[in-house]
Amino acid sequence: MLGRATTTISTVLVDDEQLARDELAYLLKEFPEIEIVGTANNGIEAVEQIEDLEPDLVFLDVQMPGLDGLGVIRQLRERKVPLPHFILATAFEQYAVEAFRWEAMDYLLKPIDKDRLQVAIERARRSVQAKASRMAPPEPAAASRPAIHRTKLLVKSGSRNFIVDAKDVIYATIDDGLITIVTTVIEGQSNYRTIEELQSNLDPDLFWRVHRSYLVNINRIKEVIPWFKSSYQLRMDDKKQTEIPVSRVQTKRLRALLKL
């Protein structure tokens, strides 16, 4: 493994047996690109971990009481959660066809062979690199037409409709399909349907999607707070000094921007 380019792969381990999780974590120590950011011992906990941590890769046991491994993937899809790459691990061969039907990246039989694990990790590394390349912003064309960004936004508060300057927006968040905008003077609802739609109408140099549910004004970040597993939260400059989580993907950008 010497001389191989290192790409950090945030990883969650899911298995209902503590011994199996410990053994896999031990094997993964030989792969410096793997960063274990969470573990789960059942399917329900796995869904929550994946939704909160947004890992690149999940090692997922198939047979678990309650919600099994394939059920985890199914439930994430139903919730429309962006899916990580899945490597399924089980002592039984009969689930392989079903696993690949759900687009699992790989399928490992327990006990996990080190050489076979290396093949799976290499496949994951290539896929994570390719995804990162696709998500990188394109170079602006010299003759491209500049995008038009809104400088005013409508914010509904009570029975009133306020017009606010975009630069006065501290952050926006979405919950159950409703977008709330917090500004320096008021808090209310937006008539935009999604965070993506709101973001596309604002200045990308000023507003940053730090989490799937949050869009923040970078000039209104008051403090960067170290959080668990090398992640961060942002304390904003509103009256409540709201703390906003930074997703795994955006943590890398945060470190680069602020030299953390």
C-alpha atoms as a PDB file:
ATOM      1  CA  MET A   1       0.000   0.000   0.000  1.00  0.00           C
ATOM      2  CA  LEU A   2       2.996   2.297   0.035  1.00  0.00           C
ATOM      3  CA  GLY A   3       2.977   5.061  -2.532  1.00  0.00           C
ATOM      4  CA  ARG A   4      -0.786   4.913  -3.086  1.00  0.00           C
ATOM      5  CA  ALA A   5      -2.562   8.265  -3.265  1.00  0.00           C
ATOM      6  CA  THR A   6      -4.560   8.804  -0.091  1.00  0.00           C
ATOM      7  CA  THR A   7      -8.184   9.918  -0.312  1.00  0.00           C
ATOM      8  CA  THR A   8     -10.024  10.254   2.977  1.00  0.00           C
ATOM      9  CA  ILE A   9     -13.122   8.058   2.961  1.00  0.00           C
ATOM     10  CA  SER A  10     -15.517   8.768   5.831  1.00  0.00           C
ATOM     11  CA  THR A  11     -16.914   5.413   6.896  1.00  0.00           C
ATOM     12  CA  VAL A  12     -19.679   4.016   9.121  1.00  0.00           C
ATOM     13  CA  LEU A  13     -19.630   0.415  10.418  1.00  0.00           C
ATOM     14  CA  VAL A  14     -22.977  -1.315  10.947  1.00  0.00           C
ATOM     15  CA  ASP A  15     -23.233  -4.729  12.604  1.00  0.00           C
ATOM     16  CA  ASP A  16     -25.354  -6.031  15.468  1.00  0.00           C
ATOM     17  CA  GLU A  17     -22.349  -7.955  16.843  1.00  0.00           C
ATOM     18  CA  GLN A  18     -19.781  -5.898  18.741  1.00  0.00           C
ATOM     19  CA  LEU A  19     -17.053  -8.447  18.025  1.00  0.00           C
ATOM     20  CA  ALA A  20     -17.652  -8.193  14.278  1.00  0.00           C
ATOM     21  CA  ARG A  21     -17.498  -4.378  14.412  1.00  0.00           C
ATOM     22  CA  ASP A  22     -14.281  -4.493  16.423  1.00  0.00           C
ATOM     23  CA  GLU A  23     -12.682  -7.004  14.069  1.00  0.00           C
ATOM     24  CA  LEU A  24     -13.565  -4.938  11.002  1.00  0.00           C
ATOM     25  CA  ALA A  25     -12.307  -1.744  12.632  1.00  0.00           C
ATOM     26  CA  TYR A  26      -9.033  -3.527  13.373  1.00  0.00           C
ATOM     27  CA  LEU A  27      -8.662  -4.665   9.749  1.00  0.00           C
ATOM     28  CA  LEU A  28      -9.427  -1.169   8.485  1.00  0.00           C
ATOM     29  CA  LYS A  29      -6.517   0.302  10.461  1.00  0.00           C
ATOM     30  CA  GLU A  30      -4.276  -0.874   7.627  1.00  0.00           C
ATOM     31  CA  PHE A  31      -6.024   1.510   5.246  1.00  0.00           C
ATOM     32  CA  PRO A  32      -5.035   5.124   6.065  1.00  0.00           C
ATOM     33  CA  GLU A  33      -7.688   6.523   3.728  1.00  0.00           C
ATOM     34  CA  ILE A  34     -10.477   5.054   5.861  1.00  0.00           C
ATOM     35  CA  GLU A  35     -11.787   7.387   8.578  1.00  0.00           C
ATOM     36  CA  ILE A  36     -14.360   5.663  10.797  1.00  0.00           C
ATOM     37  CA  VAL A  37     -16.811   8.407  11.755  1.00  0.00           C
ATOM     38  CA  GLY A  38     -19.532   6.294  13.343  1.00  0.00           C
ATOM     39  CA  THR A  39     -20.783   2.832  14.254  1.00  0.00           C
ATOM     40  CA  ALA A  40     -24.261   1.368  14.614  1.00  0.00           C
ATOM     41  CA  ASN A  41     -25.497  -1.890  16.100  1.00  0.00           C
ATOM     42  CA  ASN A  42     -28.911  -2.065  14.396  1.00  0.00           C
ATOM     43  CA  GLY A  43     -30.671  -0.915  11.266  1.00  0.00           C
ATOM     44  CA  ILE A  44     -32.618   1.967  12.792  1.00  0.00           C
ATOM     45  CA  GLU A  45     -29.460   3.399  14.335  1.00  0.00           C
ATOM     46  CA  ALA A  46     -27.700   2.935  10.979  1.00  0.00           C
ATOM     47  CA  VAL A  47     -30.308   5.032   9.139  1.00  0.00           C
ATOM     48  CA  GLU A  48     -29.894   7.832  11.706  1.00  0.00           C
ATOM     49  CA  GLN A  49     -26.084   7.699  11.537  1.00  0.00           C
ATOM     50  CA  ILE A  50     -26.023   7.766   7.740  1.00  0.00           C
ATOM     51  CA  GLU A  51     -28.533  10.614   7.601  1.00  0.00           C
ATOM     52  CA  ASP A  52     -26.615  12.679  10.176  1.00  0.00           C
ATOM     53  CA  LEU A  53     -23.004  11.923   9.202  1.00  0.00           C
ATOM     54  CA  GLU A  54     -23.358  11.665   5.400  1.00  0.00           C
ATOM     55  CA  PRO A  55     -20.470   9.162   5.106  1.00  0.00           C
ATOM     56  CA  ASP A  56     -18.772   8.224   1.861  1.00  0.00           C
ATOM     57  CA  LEU A  57     -18.875   4.507   2.656  1.00  0.00           C
ATOM     58  CA  VAL A  58     -20.870   2.116   4.857  1.00  0.00           C
ATOM     59  CA  PHE A  59     -19.933  -1.443   5.795  1.00  0.00           C
ATOM     60  CA  LEU A  60     -23.362  -2.957   6.356  1.00  0.00           C
ATOM     61  CA  ASP A  61     -24.280  -6.270   7.947  1.00  0.00           C
ATOM     62  CA  VAL A  62     -27.164  -7.973   6.137  1.00  0.00           C
ATOM     63  CA  GLN A  63     -28.817  -9.991   8.903  1.00  0.00           C
ATOM     64  CA  MET A  64     -29.825  -7.799  11.847  1.00  0.00           C
ATOM     65  CA  PRO A  65     -32.887  -7.967  14.106  1.00  0.00           C
ATOM     66  CA  GLY A  66     -35.638  -5.510  13.254  1.00  0.00           C
ATOM     67  CA  LEU A  67     -34.451  -3.548  10.238  1.00  0.00           C
ATOM     68  CA  ASP A  68     -31.942  -5.602   8.232  1.00  0.00           C
ATOM     69  CA  GLY A  69     -29.190  -4.280   5.967  1.00  0.00           C
ATOM     70  CA  LEU A  70     -31.244  -4.239   2.780  1.00  0.00           C
ATOM     71  CA  GLY A  71     -34.040  -2.572   4.734  1.00  0.00           C
ATOM     72  CA  VAL A  72     -31.602   0.186   5.704  1.00  0.00           C
ATOM     73  CA  ILE A  73     -30.898   0.953   2.040  1.00  0.00           C
ATOM     74  CA  ARG A  74     -34.612   0.797   1.226  1.00  0.00           C
ATOM     75  CA  GLN A  75     -35.537   3.199   4.031  1.00  0.00           C
ATOM     76  CA  LEU A  76     -32.809   5.682   3.076  1.00  0.00           C
ATOM     77  CA  ARG A  77     -34.146   5.724  -0.469  1.00  0.00           C
ATOM     78  CA  GLU A  78     -37.686   6.293   0.763  1.00  0.00           C
ATOM     79  CA  ARG A  79     -36.437   9.246   2.813  1.00  0.00           C
ATOM     80  CA  LYS A  80     -34.575  10.526  -0.269  1.00  0.00           C
ATOM     81  CA  VAL A  81     -31.299  10.591   1.671  1.00  0.00           C
ATOM     82  CA  PRO A  82     -28.209  10.819  -0.584  1.00  0.00           C
ATOM     83  CA  LEU A  83     -26.821   7.299  -0.558  1.00  0.00           C
ATOM     84  CA  PRO A  84     -23.217   6.466   0.353  1.00  0.00           C
ATOM     85  CA  HIS A  85     -21.419   3.510  -1.182  1.00  0.00           C
ATOM     86  CA  PHE A  86     -22.371   0.251   0.545  1.00  0.00           C
ATOM     87  CA  ILE A  87     -20.167  -2.780   1.123  1.00  0.00           C
ATOM     88  CA  LEU A  88     -22.360  -5.549   2.510  1.00  0.00           C
ATOM     89  CA  ALA A  89     -20.791  -8.023   4.917  1.00  0.00           C
ATOM     90  CA  THR A  90     -22.452 -11.288   5.911  1.00  0.00           C
ATOM     91  CA  ALA A  91     -21.771 -14.944   6.621  1.00  0.00           C
ATOM     92  CA  PHE A  92     -24.410 -15.981   4.054  1.00  0.00           C
ATOM     93  CA  GLU A  93     -24.027 -16.097   0.259  1.00  0.00           C
ATOM     94  CA  GLN A  94     -27.730 -16.119  -0.627  1.00  0.00           C
ATOM     95  CA  TYR A  95     -28.181 -12.362  -0.265  1.00  0.00           C
ATOM     96  CA  ALA A  96     -25.652 -11.439  -2.940  1.00  0.00           C
ATOM     97  CA  VAL A  97     -28.103 -11.137  -5.860  1.00  0.00           C
ATOM     98  CA  GLU A  98     -30.486  -9.000  -3.812  1.00  0.00           C
ATOM     99  CA  ALA A  99     -27.580  -6.873  -2.578  1.00  0.00           C
ATOM    100  CA  PHE A 100     -26.421  -5.991  -6.069  1.00  0.00           C
ATOM    101  CA  ARG A 101     -30.021  -5.348  -7.121  1.00  0.00           C
ATOM    102  CA  TRP A 102     -29.935  -2.569  -4.526  1.00  0.00           C
ATOM    103  CA  GLU A 103     -26.677  -1.359  -6.106  1.00  0.00           C
ATOM    104  CA  ALA A 104     -24.314  -2.401  -3.336  1.00  0.00           C
ATOM    105  CA  MET A 105     -20.712  -1.694  -4.312  1.00  0.00           C
ATOM    106  CA  ASP A 106     -19.376  -4.990  -3.008  1.00  0.00           C
ATOM    107  CA  TYR A 107     -20.315  -8.073  -1.025  1.00  0.00           C
ATOM    108  CA  LEU A 108     -17.923  -9.594   1.520  1.00  0.00           C
ATOM    109  CA  LEU A 109     -18.324 -12.933   3.241  1.00  0.00           C
ATOM    110  CA  LYS A 110     -17.431 -13.269   6.922  1.00  0.00           C
ATOM    111  CA  PRO A 111     -14.842 -13.892   8.178  1.00  0.00           C
ATOM    112  CA  ILE A 112     -13.506 -11.093   5.987  1.00  0.00           C
ATOM    113  CA  ASP A 113     -10.339 -11.891   4.060  1.00  0.00           C
ATOM    114  CA  LYS A 114      -7.709  -9.090   4.140  1.00  0.00           C
ATOM    115  CA  ASP A 115      -6.872  -9.340   0.437  1.00  0.00           C
ATOM    116  CA  ARG A 116     -10.542  -9.332  -0.513  1.00  0.00           C
ATOM    117  CA  LEU A 117     -11.078  -6.318   1.754  1.00  0.00           C
ATOM    118  CA  GLN A 118      -8.248  -4.461  -0.011  1.00  0.00           C
ATOM    119  CA  VAL A 119      -9.973  -4.998  -3.364  1.00  0.00           C
ATOM    120  CA  ALA A 120     -13.213  -3.570  -1.940  1.00  0.00           C
ATOM    121  CA  ILE A 121     -11.451  -0.540  -0.426  1.00  0.00           C
ATOM    122  CA  GLU A 122      -9.665   0.189  -3.691  1.00  0.00           C
ATOM    123  CA  ARG A 123     -12.983   0.067  -5.523  1.00  0.00           C
ATOM    124  CA  ALA A 124     -14.495   2.441  -2.972  1.00  0.00           C
ATOM    125  CA  ARG A 125     -11.524   4.813  -3.240  1.00  0.00           C
ATOM    126  CA  ARG A 126     -11.879   5.070  -7.018  1.00  0.00           C
ATOM    127  CA  SER A 127     -15.611   5.704  -6.739  1.00  0.00           C
ATOM    128  CA  VAL A 128     -15.216   8.378  -4.046  1.00  0.00           C
ATOM    129  CA  GLN A 129     -12.543  10.127  -6.125  1.00  0.00           C
ATOM    130  CA  ALA A 130     -14.738  10.014  -9.222  1.00  0.00           C
ATOM    131  CA  LYS A 131     -17.707  11.424  -7.285  1.00  0.00           C
ATOM    132  CA  ALA A 132     -15.554  14.240  -5.871  1.00  0.00           C
ATOM    133  CA  SER A 133     -14.376  15.101  -9.391  1.00  0.00           C
ATOM    134  CA  ARG A 134     -17.963  15.241 -10.661  1.00  0.00           C
ATOM    135  CA  MET A 135     -18.996  17.510  -7.788  1.00  0.00           C
ATOM    136  CA  ALA A 136     -16.105  19.939  -8.292  1.00  0.00           C
ATOM    137  CA  PRO A 137     -17.319  23.262  -9.676  1.00  0.00           C
ATOM    138  CA  PRO A 138     -16.466  23.732 -13.365  1.00  0.00           C
ATOM    139  CA  GLU A 139     -14.028  26.381 -14.462  1.00  0.00           C
ATOM    140  CA  PRO A 140     -15.974  29.502 -15.456  1.00  0.00           C
ATOM    141  CA  ALA A 141     -16.003  30.172 -19.183  1.00  0.00           C
ATOM    142  CA  ALA A 142     -14.420  33.478 -20.126  1.00  0.00           C
ATOM    143  CA  ALA A 143     -17.356  34.541 -22.267  1.00  0.00           C
ATOM    144  CA  SER A 144     -20.101  33.084 -20.055  1.00  0.00           C
ATOM    145  CA  ARG A 145     -22.943  35.320 -19.051  1.00  0.00           C
ATOM    146  CA  PRO A 146     -22.805  36.306 -15.362  1.00  0.00           C
ATOM    147  CA  ALA A 147     -25.538  34.782 -13.210  1.00  0.00           C
ATOM    148  CA  ILE A 148     -28.197  37.117 -11.835  1.00  0.00           C
ATOM    149  CA  HIS A 149     -28.557  36.835  -8.061  1.00  0.00           C
ATOM    150  CA  ARG A 150     -31.379  38.269  -6.005  1.00  0.00           C
ATOM    151  CA  THR A 151     -30.524  41.055  -3.571  1.00  0.00           C
ATOM    152  CA  LYS A 152     -34.006  41.105  -2.014  1.00  0.00           C
ATOM    153  CA  LEU A 153     -36.035  38.265  -0.500  1.00  0.00           C
ATOM    154  CA  LEU A 154     -39.621  37.921   0.662  1.00  0.00           C
ATOM    155  CA  VAL A 155     -39.971  36.688   4.254  1.00  0.00           C
ATOM    156  CA  LYS A 156     -43.408  35.889   5.676  1.00  0.00           C
ATOM    157  CA  SER A 157     -43.760  36.552   9.406  1.00  0.00           C
ATOM    158  CA  GLY A 158     -47.215  36.182  10.915  1.00  0.00           C
ATOM    159  CA  SER A 159     -49.680  37.803   8.514  1.00  0.00           C
ATOM    160  CA  ARG A 160     -47.083  40.189   7.081  1.00  0.00           C
ATOM    161  CA  ASN A 161     -44.753  39.945   4.091  1.00  0.00           C
ATOM    162  CA  PHE A 162     -41.379  41.618   4.591  1.00  0.00           C
ATOM    163  CA  ILE A 163     -38.784  42.456   1.941  1.00  0.00           C
ATOM    164  CA  VAL A 164     -35.270  41.946   3.313  1.00  0.00           C
ATOM    165  CA  ASP A 165     -31.798  42.476   1.913  1.00  0.00           C
ATOM    166  CA  ALA A 166     -30.145  39.165   1.031  1.00  0.00           C
ATOM    167  CA  LYS A 167     -26.967  40.292   2.793  1.00  0.00           C
ATOM    168  CA  ASP A 168     -28.966  40.532   6.061  1.00  0.00           C
ATOM    169  CA  VAL A 169     -29.918  36.839   5.931  1.00  0.00           C
ATOM    170  CA  ILE A 170     -27.973  34.954   8.604  1.00  0.00           C
ATOM    171  CA  TYR A 171     -29.074  31.445   7.661  1.00  0.00           C
ATOM    172  CA  ALA A 172     -31.923  29.447   6.158  1.00  0.00           C
ATOM    173  CA  THR A 173     -33.067  25.992   7.164  1.00  0.00           C
ATOM    174  CA  ILE A 174     -35.646  23.513   5.908  1.00  0.00           C
ATOM    175  CA  ASP A 175     -37.794  21.232   8.055  1.00  0.00           C
ATOM    176  CA  ASP A 176     -40.650  19.086   6.780  1.00  0.00           C
ATOM    177  CA  GLY A 177     -40.665  20.991   3.483  1.00  0.00           C
ATOM    178  CA  LEU A 178     -40.887  24.455   5.076  1.00  0.00           C
ATOM    179  CA  ILE A 179     -37.974  26.891   4.711  1.00  0.00           C
ATOM    180  CA  THR A 180     -37.299  29.260   7.601  1.00  0.00           C
ATOM    181  CA  ILE A 181     -35.134  32.328   7.020  1.00  0.00           C
ATOM    182  CA  VAL A 182     -33.407  34.047   9.937  1.00  0.00           C
ATOM    183  CA  THR A 183     -32.230  37.608   9.323  1.00  0.00           C
ATOM    184  CA  THR A 184     -30.649  40.303  11.456  1.00  0.00           C
ATOM    185  CA  VAL A 185     -34.101  41.715  12.279  1.00  0.00           C
ATOM    186  CA  ILE A 186     -36.801  39.090  11.677  1.00  0.00           C
ATOM    187  CA  GLU A 187     -37.435  35.359  11.355  1.00  0.00           C
ATOM    188  CA  GLY A 188     -40.033  33.926   9.011  1.00  0.00           C
ATOM    189  CA  GLN A 189     -40.884  31.583   6.170  1.00  0.00           C
ATOM    190  CA  SER A 190     -39.751  31.684   2.554  1.00  0.00           C
ATOM    191  CA  ASN A 191     -41.916  30.953  -0.476  1.00  0.00           C
ATOM    192  CA  TYR A 192     -39.117  28.865  -2.020  1.00  0.00           C
ATOM    193  CA  ARG A 193     -39.851  25.150  -2.109  1.00  0.00           C
ATOM    194  CA  THR A 194     -36.338  23.791  -1.598  1.00  0.00           C
ATOM    195  CA  ILE A 195     -32.986  24.900  -0.199  1.00  0.00           C
ATOM    196  CA  GLU A 196     -31.482  24.231  -3.638  1.00  0.00           C
ATOM    197  CA  GLU A 197     -33.907  26.650  -5.281  1.00  0.00           C
ATOM    198  CA  LEU A 198     -33.178  29.340  -2.686  1.00  0.00           C
ATOM    199  CA  GLN A 199     -29.429  28.815  -2.987  1.00  0.00           C
ATOM    200  CA  SER A 200     -29.470  29.100  -6.782  1.00  0.00           C
ATOM    201  CA  ASN A 201     -30.970  32.591  -6.490  1.00  0.00           C
ATOM    202  CA  LEU A 202     -28.361  33.890  -4.057  1.00  0.00           C
ATOM    203  CA  ASP A 203     -24.720  34.941  -4.394  1.00  0.00           C
ATOM    204  CA  PRO A 204     -22.601  31.735  -4.166  1.00  0.00           C
ATOM    205  CA  ASP A 205     -19.673  33.749  -2.789  1.00  0.00           C
ATOM    206  CA  LEU A 206     -21.820  34.778   0.176  1.00  0.00           C
ATOM    207  CA  PHE A 207     -24.090  31.792   0.845  1.00  0.00           C
ATOM    208  CA  TRP A 208     -22.781  28.327   1.611  1.00  0.00           C
ATOM    209  CA  ARG A 209     -24.714  25.048   1.849  1.00  0.00           C
ATOM    210  CA  VAL A 210     -22.924  23.609   4.886  1.00  0.00           C
ATOM    211  CA  HIS A 211     -25.468  20.833   5.439  1.00  0.00           C
ATOM    212  CA  ARG A 212     -28.339  19.367   3.453  1.00  0.00           C
ATOM    213  CA  SER A 213     -30.754  21.288   5.708  1.00  0.00           C
ATOM    214  CA  TYR A 214     -28.830  24.558   6.171  1.00  0.00           C
ATOM    215  CA  LEU A 215     -27.686  27.451   4.016  1.00  0.00           C
ATOM    216  CA  VAL A 216     -25.538  30.045   5.822  1.00  0.00           C
ATOM    217  CA  ASN A 217     -24.235  33.540   5.158  1.00  0.00           C
ATOM    218  CA  ILE A 218     -20.471  33.159   5.573  1.00  0.00           C
ATOM    219  CA  ASN A 219     -20.188  36.747   6.799  1.00  0.00           C
ATOM    220  CA  ARG A 220     -22.502  35.880   9.692  1.00  0.00           C
ATOM    221  CA  ILE A 221     -20.493  32.965  11.094  1.00  0.00           C
ATOM    222  CA  LYS A 222     -19.448  33.978  14.595  1.00  0.00           C
ATOM    223  CA  GLU A 223     -17.518  30.904  15.741  1.00  0.00           C
ATOM    224  CA  VAL A 224     -16.334  27.506  14.507  1.00  0.00           C
ATOM    225  CA  ILE A 225     -16.840  24.867  17.200  1.00  0.00           C
ATOM    226  CA  PRO A 226     -14.931  21.541  17.082  1.00  0.00           C
ATOM    227  CA  TRP A 227     -17.387  18.665  17.322  1.00  0.00           C
ATOM    228  CA  PHE A 228     -17.109  14.885  17.610  1.00  0.00           C
ATOM    229  CA  LYS A 229     -15.200  12.712  15.119  1.00  0.00           C
ATOM    230  CA  SER A 230     -13.240  15.667  13.660  1.00  0.00           C
ATOM    231  CA  SER A 231     -16.409  17.472  12.592  1.00  0.00           C
ATOM    232  CA  TYR A 232     -17.497  21.053  13.333  1.00  0.00           C
ATOM    233  CA  GLN A 233     -20.482  23.212  14.145  1.00  0.00           C
ATOM    234  CA  LEU A 234     -20.940  26.871  13.238  1.00  0.00           C
ATOM    235  CA  ARG A 235     -22.236  29.364  15.783  1.00  0.00           C
ATOM    236  CA  MET A 236     -24.133  32.018  13.895  1.00  0.00           C
ATOM    237  CA  ASP A 237     -24.495  35.720  14.598  1.00  0.00           C
ATOM    238  CA  ASP A 238     -28.252  35.676  15.312  1.00  0.00           C
ATOM    239  CA  LYS A 239     -29.923  36.491  18.633  1.00  0.00           C
ATOM    240  CA  LYS A 240     -30.111  32.817  19.609  1.00  0.00           C
ATOM    241  CA  GLN A 241     -26.502  32.182  18.499  1.00  0.00           C
ATOM    242  CA  THR A 242     -27.754  29.136  16.655  1.00  0.00           C
ATOM    243  CA  GLU A 243     -25.323  26.244  16.249  1.00  0.00           C
ATOM    244  CA  ILE A 244     -25.423  24.630  12.809  1.00  0.00           C
ATOM    245  CA  PRO A 245     -23.809  21.279  11.903  1.00  0.00           C
ATOM    246  CA  VAL A 246     -21.320  21.061   9.057  1.00  0.00           C
ATOM    247  CA  SER A 247     -21.706  17.936   6.931  1.00  0.00           C
ATOM    248  CA  ARG A 248     -18.783  15.571   6.323  1.00  0.00           C
ATOM    249  CA  VAL A 249     -18.424  16.700   2.719  1.00  0.00           C
ATOM    250  CA  GLN A 250     -18.423  20.388   3.646  1.00  0.00           C
ATOM    251  CA  THR A 251     -16.043  19.860   6.585  1.00  0.00           C
ATOM    252  CA  LYS A 252     -13.256  19.392   4.057  1.00  0.00           C
ATOM    253  CA  ARG A 253     -14.112  22.737   2.455  1.00  0.00           C
ATOM    254  CA  LEU A 254     -14.313  24.412   5.865  1.00  0.00           C
ATOM    255  CA  ARG A 255     -10.811  23.208   6.756  1.00  0.00           C
ATOM    256  CA  ALA A 256      -9.479  24.487   3.457  1.00  0.00           C
ATOM    257  CA  LEU A 257     -11.167  27.877   3.746  1.00  0.00           C
ATOM    258  CA  LEU A 258     -10.154  28.554   7.334  1.00  0.00           C
ATOM    259  CA  LYS A 259      -6.869  26.606   7.397  1.00  0.00           C
ATOM    260  CA  LEU A 260      -8.110  24.409  10.245  1.00  0.00           C
END
